[in-house]
Amino acid sequence: METKITKTTNGSNVWPYVIAGSAIGGAIGYLFMTESGRKIRYSMTHPDQLADDLEDARYFVERKARVVTDQVHGFFNKAKTGIEEGQLAYREAEKKYISQARQVETKNNEITSTVHKSVDNFSRAAVSIEHSVLDPMCEMAALYRGVERGIRAFFGKGGPAQTISEGPTPIYRDTTRVVGD
C-alpha cells in the first residue's frame, strides 16, 4: 500500500515569504536596472571611493551650514542694529522733546515775569500819578470850593448848600448840594 503524504499549506503562512521575495527582488532590480542602483553597486565594490564621497559630502554639508549660519547671524546682527538704531533715535527724540519743553517753559517764565513787571510798573505809575497829580487836583478843587463858599458866605449870597456852576468842574461832585440862585 502506498501512502500519500500531502502537505497542506495554510494561506496565511505564505504571505511573509511573498513580501520578503518581493522586497529582495525589488532591491535586486533597483541595483541592476537603474542608474542610481549602479552607483550604489559601484560604491559598495569600491569602499575607498565611498569614504571619499562621504568626506566630500561632509565638507559640503559643513560649508552650506556655515553659509546658512553666517546668513542667520547676519540677519540677527541687522535686526539687532536696527533695534539699537531705533532705541537711539527714541532717546534722541526724547532728549530733543525735553529740551524743547524746557525752552518753552523758560520762555513762558520770561513772559510771565515780564507781564508781572509790567503790571507792577503800571501799578506804581498809577499810584504815582494819583499822588502827584490827582491828589493835588482834589486838594485844589477842595480849596477852591472852600474859598468860593467862604466868599459867598462873606457877601451873603447863599448858604453852604448852594454852589456856583461856573468855574472848573470838580472831580468829586458833592451829591448833597442844591443848585440855586
N, C-alpha and C. Protein backbone atom coordinates (compact mmCIF):
# COMPACT_ATOMS: atom_id res chain seq x y z
N MET A 1 0.79 -1.14 0.00
CA MET A 1 0.00 0.00 0.00
C MET A 1 0.85 1.23 0.00
N GLU A 2 0.36 2.00 -0.72
CA GLU A 2 1.08 3.25 -0.89
C GLU A 2 0.42 4.31 -0.04
N THR A 3 1.27 5.02 0.63
CA THR A 3 0.71 6.13 1.42
C THR A 3 1.13 7.45 0.80
N LYS A 4 0.21 8.19 0.71
CA LYS A 4 0.45 9.52 0.17
C LYS A 4 0.54 10.51 1.30
N ILE A 5 1.59 11.18 1.26
CA ILE A 5 1.73 12.24 2.27
C ILE A 5 1.47 13.56 1.54
N THR A 6 0.56 14.20 1.94
CA THR A 6 0.25 15.50 1.35
C THR A 6 0.55 16.60 2.38
N LYS A 7 1.09 17.51 1.83
CA LYS A 7 1.44 18.64 2.69
C LYS A 7 0.40 19.73 2.48
N THR A 8 -0.17 20.15 3.49
CA THR A 8 -1.14 21.23 3.36
C THR A 8 -0.49 22.55 3.77
N THR A 9 -0.79 23.53 3.04
CA THR A 9 -0.24 24.86 3.37
C THR A 9 -1.38 25.78 3.74
N ASN A 10 -1.12 26.44 4.71
CA ASN A 10 -2.09 27.42 5.17
C ASN A 10 -1.83 28.72 4.42
N GLY A 11 -2.80 29.40 3.92
CA GLY A 11 -2.65 30.63 3.13
C GLY A 11 -2.01 31.76 3.91
N SER A 12 -2.13 31.76 5.20
CA SER A 12 -1.57 32.84 6.00
C SER A 12 -0.07 32.67 6.19
N ASN A 13 0.48 31.48 5.99
CA ASN A 13 1.91 31.24 6.14
C ASN A 13 2.69 31.66 4.90
N VAL A 14 2.07 31.89 3.79
CA VAL A 14 2.73 32.21 2.53
C VAL A 14 3.06 33.70 2.42
N TRP A 15 2.28 34.53 2.97
CA TRP A 15 2.43 35.99 2.79
C TRP A 15 3.77 36.54 3.27
N PRO A 16 4.34 36.13 4.36
CA PRO A 16 5.64 36.68 4.72
C PRO A 16 6.70 36.36 3.68
N TYR A 17 6.60 35.16 3.05
CA TYR A 17 7.58 34.80 2.02
C TYR A 17 7.37 35.62 0.75
N VAL A 18 6.14 35.87 0.45
CA VAL A 18 5.83 36.68 -0.74
C VAL A 18 6.35 38.09 -0.54
N ILE A 19 6.15 38.64 0.61
CA ILE A 19 6.61 40.02 0.90
C ILE A 19 8.13 40.06 0.90
N ALA A 20 8.77 39.10 1.54
CA ALA A 20 10.24 39.08 1.57
C ALA A 20 10.79 38.89 0.17
N GLY A 21 10.20 38.03 -0.63
CA GLY A 21 10.66 37.81 -2.00
C GLY A 21 10.48 39.04 -2.86
N SER A 22 9.37 39.73 -2.68
CA SER A 22 9.12 40.95 -3.44
C SER A 22 10.13 42.02 -3.08
N ALA A 23 10.44 42.17 -1.78
CA ALA A 23 11.41 43.17 -1.34
C ALA A 23 12.80 42.86 -1.89
N ILE A 24 13.19 41.57 -1.82
CA ILE A 24 14.51 41.18 -2.32
C ILE A 24 14.56 41.38 -3.83
N GLY A 25 13.54 40.99 -4.52
CA GLY A 25 13.50 41.16 -5.97
C GLY A 25 13.52 42.62 -6.37
N GLY A 26 12.77 43.43 -5.66
CA GLY A 26 12.76 44.88 -5.94
C GLY A 26 14.12 45.49 -5.72
N ALA A 27 14.80 45.09 -4.63
CA ALA A 27 16.12 45.64 -4.32
C ALA A 27 17.13 45.22 -5.39
N ILE A 28 17.07 43.96 -5.82
CA ILE A 28 18.00 43.48 -6.85
C ILE A 28 17.70 44.18 -8.18
N GLY A 29 16.44 44.33 -8.49
CA GLY A 29 16.07 45.04 -9.72
C GLY A 29 16.55 46.49 -9.67
N TYR A 30 16.40 47.13 -8.54
CA TYR A 30 16.86 48.52 -8.39
C TYR A 30 18.36 48.62 -8.58
N LEU A 31 19.10 47.70 -7.94
CA LEU A 31 20.57 47.74 -8.02
C LEU A 31 21.08 47.47 -9.44
N PHE A 32 20.40 46.57 -10.20
CA PHE A 32 20.92 46.20 -11.51
C PHE A 32 20.25 46.94 -12.68
N MET A 33 19.11 47.52 -12.46
CA MET A 33 18.38 48.10 -13.59
C MET A 33 18.37 49.63 -13.62
N THR A 34 18.71 50.32 -12.54
CA THR A 34 18.65 51.79 -12.54
C THR A 34 20.05 52.37 -12.44
N GLU A 35 20.17 53.66 -12.86
CA GLU A 35 21.46 54.36 -12.83
C GLU A 35 21.90 54.57 -11.39
N SER A 36 21.01 55.01 -10.54
CA SER A 36 21.39 55.22 -9.14
C SER A 36 21.72 53.89 -8.47
N GLY A 37 21.08 52.80 -8.86
CA GLY A 37 21.43 51.48 -8.34
C GLY A 37 22.83 51.08 -8.74
N ARG A 38 23.22 51.38 -10.00
CA ARG A 38 24.58 51.10 -10.44
C ARG A 38 25.59 51.88 -9.62
N LYS A 39 25.26 53.14 -9.30
CA LYS A 39 26.17 53.96 -8.47
C LYS A 39 26.32 53.35 -7.09
N ILE A 40 25.26 52.86 -6.54
CA ILE A 40 25.33 52.22 -5.22
C ILE A 40 26.18 50.96 -5.30
N ARG A 41 25.99 50.14 -6.35
CA ARG A 41 26.80 48.93 -6.51
C ARG A 41 28.27 49.28 -6.63
N TYR A 42 28.56 50.35 -7.40
CA TYR A 42 29.95 50.76 -7.60
C TYR A 42 30.56 51.19 -6.27
N SER A 43 29.82 52.00 -5.48
CA SER A 43 30.36 52.46 -4.21
C SER A 43 30.50 51.30 -3.22
N MET A 44 29.69 50.24 -3.33
CA MET A 44 29.84 49.09 -2.45
C MET A 44 31.05 48.24 -2.83
N THR A 45 31.36 48.24 -4.10
CA THR A 45 32.52 47.47 -4.54
C THR A 45 33.81 48.26 -4.41
N HIS A 46 33.74 49.57 -4.27
CA HIS A 46 34.92 50.43 -4.07
C HIS A 46 34.73 51.22 -2.77
N PRO A 47 34.99 50.64 -1.61
CA PRO A 47 34.73 51.31 -0.33
C PRO A 47 35.59 52.55 -0.12
N ASP A 48 36.80 52.59 -0.68
CA ASP A 48 37.63 53.79 -0.51
C ASP A 48 36.99 54.98 -1.22
N GLN A 49 36.37 54.74 -2.37
CA GLN A 49 35.65 55.80 -3.09
C GLN A 49 34.45 56.28 -2.26
N LEU A 50 33.77 55.36 -1.61
CA LEU A 50 32.63 55.70 -0.76
C LEU A 50 33.08 56.58 0.40
N ALA A 51 34.21 56.27 1.01
CA ALA A 51 34.72 57.08 2.12
C ALA A 51 35.04 58.49 1.63
N ASP A 52 35.65 58.60 0.42
CA ASP A 52 35.95 59.92 -0.14
C ASP A 52 34.66 60.69 -0.42
N ASP A 53 33.68 59.97 -0.95
CA ASP A 53 32.40 60.62 -1.24
C ASP A 53 31.72 61.09 0.05
N LEU A 54 31.79 60.27 1.08
CA LEU A 54 31.21 60.67 2.37
C LEU A 54 31.95 61.87 2.95
N GLU A 55 33.29 61.87 2.81
CA GLU A 55 34.07 63.00 3.30
C GLU A 55 33.71 64.27 2.51
N ASP A 56 33.57 64.15 1.19
CA ASP A 56 33.17 65.29 0.37
C ASP A 56 31.77 65.77 0.77
N ALA A 57 30.90 64.84 1.03
CA ALA A 57 29.54 65.21 1.45
C ALA A 57 29.57 65.93 2.80
N ARG A 58 30.43 65.44 3.69
CA ARG A 58 30.55 66.11 5.00
C ARG A 58 31.06 67.54 4.82
N TYR A 59 32.10 67.73 3.99
CA TYR A 59 32.61 69.08 3.73
C TYR A 59 31.54 69.96 3.09
N PHE A 60 30.79 69.40 2.17
CA PHE A 60 29.72 70.14 1.50
C PHE A 60 28.68 70.60 2.52
N VAL A 61 28.27 69.67 3.37
CA VAL A 61 27.26 70.00 4.39
C VAL A 61 27.81 71.05 5.36
N GLU A 62 29.07 70.92 5.75
CA GLU A 62 29.68 71.91 6.66
C GLU A 62 29.72 73.29 6.01
N ARG A 63 30.13 73.35 4.72
CA ARG A 63 30.19 74.64 4.03
C ARG A 63 28.81 75.28 3.95
N LYS A 64 27.84 74.48 3.57
CA LYS A 64 26.46 75.00 3.47
C LYS A 64 25.94 75.42 4.83
N ALA A 65 26.28 74.65 5.86
CA ALA A 65 25.84 75.00 7.22
C ALA A 65 26.48 76.32 7.64
N ARG A 66 27.79 76.50 7.30
CA ARG A 66 28.45 77.78 7.63
C ARG A 66 27.79 78.94 6.90
N VAL A 67 27.46 78.73 5.62
CA VAL A 67 26.82 79.79 4.84
C VAL A 67 25.46 80.15 5.46
N VAL A 68 24.67 79.14 5.77
CA VAL A 68 23.37 79.38 6.38
C VAL A 68 23.53 80.04 7.74
N THR A 69 24.49 79.54 8.53
CA THR A 69 24.74 80.12 9.85
C THR A 69 25.17 81.58 9.72
N ASP A 70 26.07 81.86 8.77
CA ASP A 70 26.50 83.25 8.56
C ASP A 70 25.33 84.13 8.14
N GLN A 71 24.46 83.61 7.30
CA GLN A 71 23.30 84.39 6.88
C GLN A 71 22.36 84.64 8.05
N VAL A 72 22.16 83.64 8.87
CA VAL A 72 21.29 83.81 10.04
C VAL A 72 21.91 84.83 11.00
N HIS A 73 23.24 84.69 11.24
CA HIS A 73 23.91 85.66 12.12
C HIS A 73 23.83 87.06 11.51
N GLY A 74 24.01 87.16 10.19
CA GLY A 74 23.90 88.46 9.52
C GLY A 74 22.52 89.06 9.71
N PHE A 75 21.49 88.22 9.56
CA PHE A 75 20.12 88.69 9.75
C PHE A 75 19.92 89.18 11.19
N PHE A 76 20.38 88.37 12.16
CA PHE A 76 20.22 88.76 13.56
C PHE A 76 21.02 90.03 13.88
N ASN A 77 22.22 90.15 13.30
CA ASN A 77 23.01 91.36 13.53
C ASN A 77 22.31 92.58 12.94
N LYS A 78 21.73 92.43 11.74
CA LYS A 78 20.99 93.55 11.15
C LYS A 78 19.79 93.91 12.00
N ALA A 79 19.08 92.88 12.46
CA ALA A 79 17.92 93.14 13.32
C ALA A 79 18.35 93.83 14.61
N LYS A 80 19.45 93.36 15.21
CA LYS A 80 19.96 93.97 16.44
C LYS A 80 20.37 95.41 16.20
N THR A 81 21.06 95.65 15.06
CA THR A 81 21.47 97.01 14.72
C THR A 81 20.24 97.89 14.51
N GLY A 82 19.24 97.36 13.83
CA GLY A 82 18.00 98.11 13.63
C GLY A 82 17.33 98.47 14.94
N ILE A 83 17.28 97.53 15.85
CA ILE A 83 16.67 97.79 17.16
C ILE A 83 17.49 98.84 17.92
N GLU A 84 18.81 98.71 17.89
CA GLU A 84 19.66 99.69 18.58
C GLU A 84 19.50 101.08 17.97
N GLU A 85 19.41 101.16 16.63
CA GLU A 85 19.21 102.45 15.97
C GLU A 85 17.86 103.04 16.36
N GLY A 86 16.84 102.18 16.43
CA GLY A 86 15.52 102.65 16.86
C GLY A 86 15.54 103.18 18.29
N GLN A 87 16.24 102.46 19.17
CA GLN A 87 16.34 102.91 20.56
C GLN A 87 17.11 104.23 20.64
N LEU A 88 18.18 104.34 19.86
CA LEU A 88 18.97 105.58 19.84
C LEU A 88 18.12 106.74 19.33
N ALA A 89 17.37 106.52 18.26
CA ALA A 89 16.50 107.57 17.72
C ALA A 89 15.44 107.96 18.75
N TYR A 90 14.91 106.98 19.47
CA TYR A 90 13.92 107.27 20.51
C TYR A 90 14.53 108.14 21.60
N ARG A 91 15.72 107.76 22.06
CA ARG A 91 16.38 108.54 23.13
C ARG A 91 16.68 109.96 22.65
N GLU A 92 17.16 110.09 21.40
CA GLU A 92 17.46 111.42 20.86
C GLU A 92 16.20 112.26 20.76
N ALA A 93 15.11 111.65 20.29
CA ALA A 93 13.84 112.38 20.19
C ALA A 93 13.35 112.80 21.58
N GLU A 94 13.54 111.90 22.55
CA GLU A 94 13.13 112.22 23.92
C GLU A 94 13.93 113.40 24.46
N LYS A 95 15.26 113.38 24.24
CA LYS A 95 16.11 114.48 24.70
C LYS A 95 15.71 115.79 24.01
N LYS A 96 15.44 115.71 22.70
CA LYS A 96 15.06 116.90 21.94
C LYS A 96 13.73 117.44 22.47
N TYR A 97 12.77 116.54 22.72
CA TYR A 97 11.48 116.96 23.25
C TYR A 97 11.64 117.61 24.62
N ILE A 98 12.44 117.00 25.48
CA ILE A 98 12.65 117.57 26.81
C ILE A 98 13.31 118.93 26.70
N SER A 99 14.30 119.04 25.80
CA SER A 99 14.98 120.32 25.60
C SER A 99 13.99 121.38 25.11
N GLN A 100 13.14 121.03 24.14
CA GLN A 100 12.16 121.98 23.64
C GLN A 100 11.15 122.35 24.72
N ALA A 101 10.75 121.36 25.52
CA ALA A 101 9.81 121.64 26.60
C ALA A 101 10.44 122.60 27.62
N ARG A 102 11.71 122.40 27.90
CA ARG A 102 12.40 123.32 28.83
C ARG A 102 12.52 124.71 28.24
N GLN A 103 12.76 124.80 26.92
CA GLN A 103 12.84 126.11 26.27
C GLN A 103 11.49 126.82 26.34
N VAL A 104 10.42 126.05 26.09
CA VAL A 104 9.08 126.64 26.17
C VAL A 104 8.79 127.09 27.60
N GLU A 105 9.18 126.26 28.56
CA GLU A 105 8.96 126.61 29.97
C GLU A 105 9.75 127.87 30.33
N THR A 106 11.00 127.94 29.87
CA THR A 106 11.83 129.12 30.15
C THR A 106 11.22 130.36 29.52
N LYS A 107 10.76 130.23 28.26
CA LYS A 107 10.15 131.37 27.57
C LYS A 107 8.87 131.78 28.28
N ASN A 108 8.09 130.79 28.71
CA ASN A 108 6.86 131.07 29.44
C ASN A 108 7.16 131.81 30.75
N ASN A 109 8.19 131.38 31.45
CA ASN A 109 8.59 132.05 32.70
C ASN A 109 9.05 133.48 32.42
N GLU A 110 9.78 133.68 31.32
CA GLU A 110 10.22 135.03 30.95
C GLU A 110 9.03 135.93 30.66
N ILE A 111 8.06 135.40 29.89
CA ILE A 111 6.87 136.19 29.55
C ILE A 111 6.08 136.52 30.81
N THR A 112 5.92 135.51 31.68
CA THR A 112 5.18 135.73 32.92
C THR A 112 5.88 136.78 33.78
N SER A 113 7.19 136.68 33.86
CA SER A 113 7.96 137.66 34.64
C SER A 113 7.81 139.06 34.05
N THR A 114 7.87 139.15 32.72
CA THR A 114 7.72 140.45 32.06
C THR A 114 6.33 141.02 32.30
N VAL A 115 5.30 140.16 32.22
CA VAL A 115 3.93 140.63 32.47
C VAL A 115 3.80 141.11 33.91
N HIS A 116 4.36 140.36 34.85
CA HIS A 116 4.29 140.78 36.27
C HIS A 116 5.02 142.10 36.47
N LYS A 117 6.18 142.24 35.85
CA LYS A 117 6.92 143.50 35.98
C LYS A 117 6.13 144.66 35.38
N SER A 118 5.48 144.40 34.22
CA SER A 118 4.69 145.45 33.57
C SER A 118 3.51 145.85 34.44
N VAL A 119 2.83 144.85 35.02
CA VAL A 119 1.69 145.15 35.90
C VAL A 119 2.18 145.91 37.13
N ASP A 120 3.30 145.50 37.70
CA ASP A 120 3.85 146.21 38.86
C ASP A 120 4.23 147.63 38.50
N ASN A 121 4.87 147.80 37.34
CA ASN A 121 5.26 149.16 36.89
C ASN A 121 4.02 150.01 36.65
N PHE A 122 2.99 149.44 36.03
CA PHE A 122 1.76 150.18 35.77
C PHE A 122 1.10 150.57 37.09
N SER A 123 1.09 149.64 38.04
CA SER A 123 0.51 149.92 39.35
C SER A 123 1.27 151.04 40.05
N ARG A 124 2.62 150.98 40.01
CA ARG A 124 3.42 152.05 40.62
C ARG A 124 3.18 153.38 39.91
N ALA A 125 3.04 153.34 38.57
CA ALA A 125 2.79 154.57 37.82
C ALA A 125 1.42 155.14 38.19
N ALA A 126 0.42 154.28 38.34
CA ALA A 126 -0.91 154.75 38.71
C ALA A 126 -0.89 155.38 40.10
N VAL A 127 -0.21 154.73 41.02
CA VAL A 127 -0.11 155.28 42.38
C VAL A 127 0.65 156.59 42.36
N SER A 128 1.70 156.65 41.57
CA SER A 128 2.49 157.88 41.47
C SER A 128 1.66 159.01 40.86
N ILE A 129 0.91 158.67 39.81
CA ILE A 129 0.05 159.70 39.19
C ILE A 129 -1.01 160.15 40.18
N GLU A 130 -1.56 159.22 40.91
CA GLU A 130 -2.58 159.58 41.91
C GLU A 130 -2.00 160.52 42.96
N HIS A 131 -0.79 160.20 43.44
CA HIS A 131 -0.18 161.03 44.49
C HIS A 131 0.32 162.36 43.94
N SER A 132 0.85 162.35 42.76
CA SER A 132 1.46 163.59 42.27
C SER A 132 0.50 164.46 41.47
N VAL A 133 -0.55 163.91 40.87
CA VAL A 133 -1.44 164.73 40.03
C VAL A 133 -2.84 164.80 40.63
N LEU A 134 -3.46 163.65 40.85
CA LEU A 134 -4.86 163.66 41.27
C LEU A 134 -5.06 164.20 42.69
N ASP A 135 -4.21 163.79 43.61
CA ASP A 135 -4.36 164.29 44.98
C ASP A 135 -4.23 165.81 45.03
N PRO A 136 -3.20 166.39 44.38
CA PRO A 136 -3.13 167.86 44.40
C PRO A 136 -4.33 168.52 43.69
N MET A 137 -4.84 167.90 42.63
CA MET A 137 -6.01 168.47 41.95
C MET A 137 -7.22 168.45 42.86
N CYS A 138 -7.39 167.32 43.58
CA CYS A 138 -8.52 167.22 44.51
C CYS A 138 -8.37 168.25 45.63
N GLU A 139 -7.16 168.40 46.09
CA GLU A 139 -6.93 169.40 47.14
C GLU A 139 -7.20 170.81 46.61
N MET A 140 -6.79 171.06 45.35
CA MET A 140 -7.05 172.38 44.75
C MET A 140 -8.55 172.62 44.59
N ALA A 141 -9.26 171.55 44.14
CA ALA A 141 -10.70 171.68 43.98
C ALA A 141 -11.36 171.93 45.33
N ALA A 142 -10.92 171.20 46.34
CA ALA A 142 -11.49 171.39 47.67
C ALA A 142 -11.17 172.79 48.19
N LEU A 143 -9.97 173.25 47.95
CA LEU A 143 -9.56 174.60 48.36
C LEU A 143 -10.39 175.64 47.61
N TYR A 144 -10.59 175.43 46.32
CA TYR A 144 -11.40 176.35 45.51
C TYR A 144 -12.82 176.41 46.06
N ARG A 145 -13.41 175.26 46.35
CA ARG A 145 -14.76 175.21 46.88
C ARG A 145 -14.85 175.91 48.24
N GLY A 146 -13.85 175.63 49.02
CA GLY A 146 -13.85 176.27 50.34
C GLY A 146 -13.76 177.78 50.22
N VAL A 147 -12.90 178.23 49.32
CA VAL A 147 -12.77 179.69 49.14
C VAL A 147 -14.06 180.26 48.57
N GLU A 148 -14.64 179.56 47.59
CA GLU A 148 -15.88 180.03 46.97
C GLU A 148 -16.99 180.14 48.02
N ARG A 149 -17.16 179.14 48.84
CA ARG A 149 -18.21 179.17 49.86
C ARG A 149 -17.93 180.25 50.91
N GLY A 150 -16.65 180.37 51.18
CA GLY A 150 -16.30 181.42 52.15
C GLY A 150 -16.65 182.81 51.62
N ILE A 151 -16.37 183.03 50.33
CA ILE A 151 -16.68 184.32 49.73
C ILE A 151 -18.19 184.52 49.68
N ARG A 152 -18.94 183.53 49.33
CA ARG A 152 -20.41 183.64 49.29
C ARG A 152 -20.96 183.92 50.69
N ALA A 153 -20.43 183.21 51.60
CA ALA A 153 -20.92 183.42 52.96
C ALA A 153 -20.56 184.82 53.42
N PHE A 154 -19.41 185.32 53.03
CA PHE A 154 -18.97 186.65 53.44
C PHE A 154 -19.85 187.72 52.81
N PHE A 155 -20.21 187.54 51.57
CA PHE A 155 -21.04 188.52 50.90
C PHE A 155 -22.52 188.22 51.02
N GLY A 156 -22.87 187.13 51.62
CA GLY A 156 -24.25 186.78 51.89
C GLY A 156 -25.01 186.32 50.67
N LYS A 157 -24.42 185.74 49.81
CA LYS A 157 -25.07 185.31 48.57
C LYS A 157 -25.56 183.87 48.68
N GLY A 158 -25.75 183.26 49.68
CA GLY A 158 -26.27 181.91 49.77
C GLY A 158 -25.59 181.15 50.88
N GLY A 159 -26.19 180.05 51.24
CA GLY A 159 -25.68 179.25 52.32
C GLY A 159 -24.74 178.17 51.83
N PRO A 160 -24.36 177.35 52.72
CA PRO A 160 -23.42 176.29 52.36
C PRO A 160 -24.02 175.25 51.41
N ALA A 161 -25.34 175.22 51.25
CA ALA A 161 -25.96 174.22 50.40
C ALA A 161 -26.00 174.67 48.96
N GLN A 162 -25.65 175.95 48.66
CA GLN A 162 -25.70 176.45 47.29
C GLN A 162 -24.29 176.52 46.71
N THR A 163 -24.19 176.28 45.40
CA THR A 163 -22.89 176.36 44.72
C THR A 163 -23.06 177.10 43.42
N ILE A 164 -21.98 177.59 42.90
CA ILE A 164 -21.98 178.26 41.61
C ILE A 164 -21.60 177.23 40.58
N SER A 165 -22.28 177.22 39.44
CA SER A 165 -21.98 176.26 38.41
C SER A 165 -20.91 176.77 37.47
N GLU A 166 -20.38 177.94 37.72
CA GLU A 166 -19.30 178.45 36.89
C GLU A 166 -17.97 177.93 37.42
N GLY A 167 -16.92 177.95 36.57
CA GLY A 167 -15.60 177.53 37.00
C GLY A 167 -15.34 176.07 36.68
N PRO A 168 -14.22 175.59 37.11
CA PRO A 168 -13.85 174.21 36.77
C PRO A 168 -14.77 173.21 37.46
N THR A 169 -15.03 172.11 36.76
CA THR A 169 -15.87 171.06 37.32
C THR A 169 -14.99 170.19 38.19
N PRO A 170 -15.35 170.08 39.46
CA PRO A 170 -14.52 169.27 40.35
C PRO A 170 -14.63 167.78 39.98
N ILE A 171 -13.59 167.05 40.31
CA ILE A 171 -13.56 165.62 40.01
C ILE A 171 -14.58 164.89 40.86
N TYR A 172 -14.64 165.24 42.13
CA TYR A 172 -15.60 164.62 43.03
C TYR A 172 -16.75 165.57 43.22
N ARG A 173 -17.94 165.15 42.82
CA ARG A 173 -19.12 166.01 42.97
C ARG A 173 -19.79 165.73 44.31
N ASP A 174 -20.24 166.76 44.90
CA ASP A 174 -20.95 166.65 46.16
C ASP A 174 -22.42 166.44 45.80
N THR A 175 -22.98 165.29 46.11
CA THR A 175 -24.34 164.96 45.72
C THR A 175 -25.36 165.61 46.66
N THR A 176 -24.94 166.22 47.73
CA THR A 176 -25.87 166.81 48.68
C THR A 176 -26.13 168.28 48.39
N ARG A 177 -25.49 168.85 47.44
CA ARG A 177 -25.66 170.29 47.20
C ARG A 177 -26.87 170.55 46.33
N VAL A 178 -27.36 171.67 46.44
CA VAL A 178 -28.53 172.12 45.69
C VAL A 178 -28.10 173.29 44.85
N VAL A 179 -28.37 173.23 43.58
CA VAL A 179 -28.01 174.32 42.70
C VAL A 179 -29.15 175.34 42.74
N GLY A 180 -28.80 176.56 42.93
CA GLY A 180 -29.85 177.58 43.01
C GLY A 180 -29.30 178.95 42.74
N ASP A 181 -30.17 179.95 42.89
CA ASP A 181 -29.89 181.38 42.71
C ASP A 181 -29.79 181.75 41.31
